[in-house]
N, C-alpha and C. Protein backbone atom coordinates (compact mmCIF):
# COMPACT_ATOMS: atom_id res chain seq x y z
N MET A 1 0.82 -1.18 0.00
CA MET A 1 0.00 0.00 0.00
C MET A 1 0.87 1.26 0.00
N MET A 2 1.99 1.18 0.70
CA MET A 2 2.89 2.34 0.72
C MET A 2 3.48 2.60 -0.65
N THR A 3 3.76 1.55 -1.40
CA THR A 3 4.30 1.72 -2.75
C THR A 3 3.31 2.48 -3.63
N LEU A 4 2.04 2.21 -3.47
CA LEU A 4 1.03 2.93 -4.26
C LEU A 4 1.08 4.43 -3.98
N THR A 5 1.27 4.81 -2.74
CA THR A 5 1.31 6.24 -2.41
C THR A 5 2.61 6.90 -2.84
N ARG A 6 3.66 6.12 -2.98
CA ARG A 6 4.97 6.68 -3.36
C ARG A 6 5.21 6.67 -4.87
N THR A 7 4.40 5.96 -5.61
CA THR A 7 4.59 5.86 -7.05
C THR A 7 4.27 7.20 -7.70
N PRO A 8 5.20 7.75 -8.51
CA PRO A 8 4.94 9.06 -9.11
C PRO A 8 3.89 9.03 -10.22
N GLN A 9 3.68 7.87 -10.84
CA GLN A 9 2.67 7.76 -11.89
C GLN A 9 1.30 7.49 -11.25
N PRO A 10 0.25 7.93 -11.94
CA PRO A 10 -1.09 7.60 -11.44
C PRO A 10 -1.32 6.09 -11.47
N VAL A 11 -1.97 5.58 -10.45
CA VAL A 11 -2.28 4.15 -10.37
C VAL A 11 -3.79 4.00 -10.59
N ILE A 12 -4.14 3.15 -11.55
CA ILE A 12 -5.55 2.96 -11.91
C ILE A 12 -5.97 1.53 -11.56
N ALA A 13 -7.07 1.42 -10.83
CA ALA A 13 -7.62 0.10 -10.49
C ALA A 13 -8.73 -0.22 -11.49
N ARG A 14 -8.76 -1.47 -11.93
CA ARG A 14 -9.82 -1.95 -12.82
C ARG A 14 -10.51 -3.10 -12.11
N VAL A 15 -11.78 -2.91 -11.76
CA VAL A 15 -12.49 -3.89 -10.96
C VAL A 15 -13.61 -4.52 -11.79
N HIS A 16 -13.59 -5.87 -11.86
CA HIS A 16 -14.60 -6.59 -12.63
C HIS A 16 -15.48 -7.47 -11.75
N GLY A 17 -15.06 -7.71 -10.52
CA GLY A 17 -15.81 -8.62 -9.64
C GLY A 17 -15.97 -8.04 -8.26
N ILE A 18 -15.77 -8.88 -7.27
CA ILE A 18 -15.95 -8.48 -5.88
C ILE A 18 -14.63 -7.98 -5.30
N ALA A 19 -14.66 -6.82 -4.66
CA ALA A 19 -13.50 -6.29 -3.94
C ALA A 19 -13.91 -6.14 -2.47
N THR A 20 -13.42 -7.03 -1.63
CA THR A 20 -13.78 -6.98 -0.21
C THR A 20 -12.53 -6.83 0.63
N ALA A 21 -12.70 -6.27 1.81
CA ALA A 21 -11.63 -6.11 2.81
C ALA A 21 -10.38 -5.49 2.17
N ALA A 22 -9.27 -6.22 2.13
CA ALA A 22 -8.02 -5.67 1.60
C ALA A 22 -8.14 -5.35 0.11
N GLY A 23 -8.99 -6.08 -0.61
CA GLY A 23 -9.21 -5.76 -2.02
C GLY A 23 -9.87 -4.40 -2.17
N CYS A 24 -10.80 -4.12 -1.29
CA CYS A 24 -11.46 -2.82 -1.28
C CYS A 24 -10.46 -1.72 -0.91
N GLN A 25 -9.57 -2.05 0.03
CA GLN A 25 -8.52 -1.11 0.41
C GLN A 25 -7.59 -0.83 -0.76
N LEU A 26 -7.22 -1.86 -1.50
CA LEU A 26 -6.33 -1.69 -2.64
C LEU A 26 -6.95 -0.77 -3.68
N VAL A 27 -8.23 -0.94 -3.96
CA VAL A 27 -8.92 -0.06 -4.90
C VAL A 27 -8.95 1.36 -4.37
N ALA A 28 -9.25 1.53 -3.09
CA ALA A 28 -9.33 2.86 -2.49
C ALA A 28 -7.99 3.58 -2.47
N MET A 29 -6.89 2.83 -2.45
CA MET A 29 -5.56 3.45 -2.43
C MET A 29 -5.14 3.97 -3.80
N CYS A 30 -5.79 3.51 -4.86
CA CYS A 30 -5.43 3.93 -6.21
C CYS A 30 -5.91 5.35 -6.49
N ASP A 31 -5.29 5.97 -7.48
CA ASP A 31 -5.65 7.34 -7.84
C ASP A 31 -6.99 7.40 -8.58
N LEU A 32 -7.29 6.34 -9.30
CA LEU A 32 -8.52 6.28 -10.08
C LEU A 32 -9.01 4.83 -10.09
N ALA A 33 -10.30 4.64 -9.96
CA ALA A 33 -10.86 3.30 -10.02
C ALA A 33 -11.93 3.26 -11.10
N VAL A 34 -11.84 2.24 -11.94
CA VAL A 34 -12.83 2.02 -12.99
C VAL A 34 -13.46 0.67 -12.69
N ALA A 35 -14.77 0.66 -12.55
CA ALA A 35 -15.47 -0.57 -12.17
C ALA A 35 -16.53 -0.92 -13.20
N SER A 36 -16.64 -2.22 -13.48
CA SER A 36 -17.70 -2.68 -14.38
C SER A 36 -19.02 -2.71 -13.62
N GLU A 37 -20.10 -2.94 -14.35
CA GLU A 37 -21.40 -3.04 -13.69
C GLU A 37 -21.48 -4.26 -12.79
N ALA A 38 -20.62 -5.24 -13.03
CA ALA A 38 -20.61 -6.46 -12.22
C ALA A 38 -19.78 -6.30 -10.94
N ALA A 39 -19.07 -5.20 -10.81
CA ALA A 39 -18.21 -4.98 -9.63
C ALA A 39 -19.04 -4.69 -8.40
N SER A 40 -18.54 -5.17 -7.25
CA SER A 40 -19.17 -4.84 -5.98
C SER A 40 -18.07 -4.68 -4.94
N PHE A 41 -18.35 -3.89 -3.93
CA PHE A 41 -17.38 -3.55 -2.90
C PHE A 41 -17.99 -3.81 -1.53
N ALA A 42 -17.17 -4.32 -0.61
CA ALA A 42 -17.70 -4.60 0.72
C ALA A 42 -16.59 -4.57 1.75
N LEU A 43 -16.98 -4.20 2.94
CA LEU A 43 -16.10 -4.28 4.11
C LEU A 43 -16.76 -5.27 5.06
N PRO A 44 -16.58 -6.57 4.81
CA PRO A 44 -17.28 -7.57 5.60
C PRO A 44 -16.83 -7.56 7.05
N GLY A 45 -17.73 -7.95 7.91
CA GLY A 45 -17.43 -8.01 9.33
C GLY A 45 -17.66 -6.71 10.07
N ILE A 46 -17.95 -5.65 9.36
CA ILE A 46 -18.10 -4.35 10.00
C ILE A 46 -19.32 -4.33 10.92
N ASN A 47 -20.32 -5.15 10.63
CA ASN A 47 -21.54 -5.16 11.44
C ASN A 47 -21.48 -6.14 12.61
N VAL A 48 -20.45 -6.99 12.66
CA VAL A 48 -20.36 -7.97 13.74
C VAL A 48 -19.15 -7.74 14.64
N GLY A 49 -18.44 -6.65 14.45
CA GLY A 49 -17.35 -6.29 15.34
C GLY A 49 -16.05 -7.03 15.11
N LEU A 50 -15.90 -7.72 13.99
CA LEU A 50 -14.68 -8.45 13.71
C LEU A 50 -13.86 -7.79 12.61
N PHE A 51 -14.10 -6.53 12.40
CA PHE A 51 -13.52 -5.82 11.27
C PHE A 51 -12.12 -5.29 11.57
N CYS A 52 -11.19 -5.56 10.68
CA CYS A 52 -9.86 -4.95 10.75
C CYS A 52 -10.00 -3.52 10.24
N SER A 53 -9.53 -2.57 10.99
CA SER A 53 -9.73 -1.16 10.63
C SER A 53 -8.83 -0.67 9.50
N THR A 54 -7.82 -1.43 9.13
CA THR A 54 -6.88 -0.97 8.10
C THR A 54 -7.56 -0.61 6.79
N PRO A 55 -8.44 -1.44 6.21
CA PRO A 55 -9.09 -1.03 4.96
C PRO A 55 -9.95 0.21 5.11
N ALA A 56 -10.51 0.43 6.29
CA ALA A 56 -11.39 1.58 6.50
C ALA A 56 -10.65 2.90 6.36
N VAL A 57 -9.36 2.92 6.63
CA VAL A 57 -8.59 4.17 6.52
C VAL A 57 -8.62 4.68 5.09
N ALA A 58 -8.23 3.83 4.14
CA ALA A 58 -8.20 4.24 2.73
C ALA A 58 -9.60 4.53 2.21
N VAL A 59 -10.56 3.71 2.59
CA VAL A 59 -11.93 3.90 2.12
C VAL A 59 -12.49 5.22 2.65
N ALA A 60 -12.30 5.48 3.93
CA ALA A 60 -12.83 6.72 4.53
C ALA A 60 -12.17 7.96 3.94
N ARG A 61 -10.91 7.88 3.60
CA ARG A 61 -10.23 9.02 2.99
C ARG A 61 -10.79 9.35 1.62
N ASN A 62 -11.33 8.34 0.94
CA ASN A 62 -11.81 8.56 -0.41
C ASN A 62 -13.31 8.74 -0.54
N ILE A 63 -14.09 8.15 0.36
CA ILE A 63 -15.54 8.32 0.25
C ILE A 63 -16.17 8.94 1.49
N GLY A 64 -15.41 9.13 2.55
CA GLY A 64 -15.91 9.79 3.74
C GLY A 64 -16.51 8.83 4.76
N TRP A 65 -16.44 9.19 6.03
CA TRP A 65 -16.92 8.32 7.11
C TRP A 65 -18.42 8.10 7.06
N GLY A 66 -19.18 9.09 6.64
CA GLY A 66 -20.63 8.93 6.57
C GLY A 66 -21.02 7.81 5.62
N SER A 67 -20.28 7.70 4.52
CA SER A 67 -20.56 6.64 3.54
C SER A 67 -20.11 5.28 4.06
N VAL A 68 -19.01 5.24 4.82
CA VAL A 68 -18.53 3.99 5.38
C VAL A 68 -19.54 3.42 6.35
N ALA A 69 -20.18 4.27 7.11
CA ALA A 69 -21.17 3.81 8.08
C ALA A 69 -22.37 3.18 7.41
N ASN A 70 -22.62 3.54 6.16
CA ASN A 70 -23.78 3.01 5.44
C ASN A 70 -23.46 1.76 4.64
N LEU A 71 -22.21 1.27 4.66
CA LEU A 71 -21.85 0.09 3.88
C LEU A 71 -22.44 -1.15 4.45
C-alpha cells in the first residue's frame, strides 16, 4: 500500500468482480478506479465487530466516514 502512495505515476484500479476487505482497500488506495457493472465492494465483518480497521482508513479518505457507516 505504501508503494502505491509513493509511485509518481497515477495508479488505476480496474475492478470486474468483488472487492472486499483488503481488495477494497487496494482499490481505495489507487488514484482512479474504474469498475464494471458487475463490480461490488464490501467491508465484511463491520456489522459484527470483527472488522480490521486498516481497509477503512483508505476507504474513509476517499468516500468519507458517513458513507462507510452506510456500507
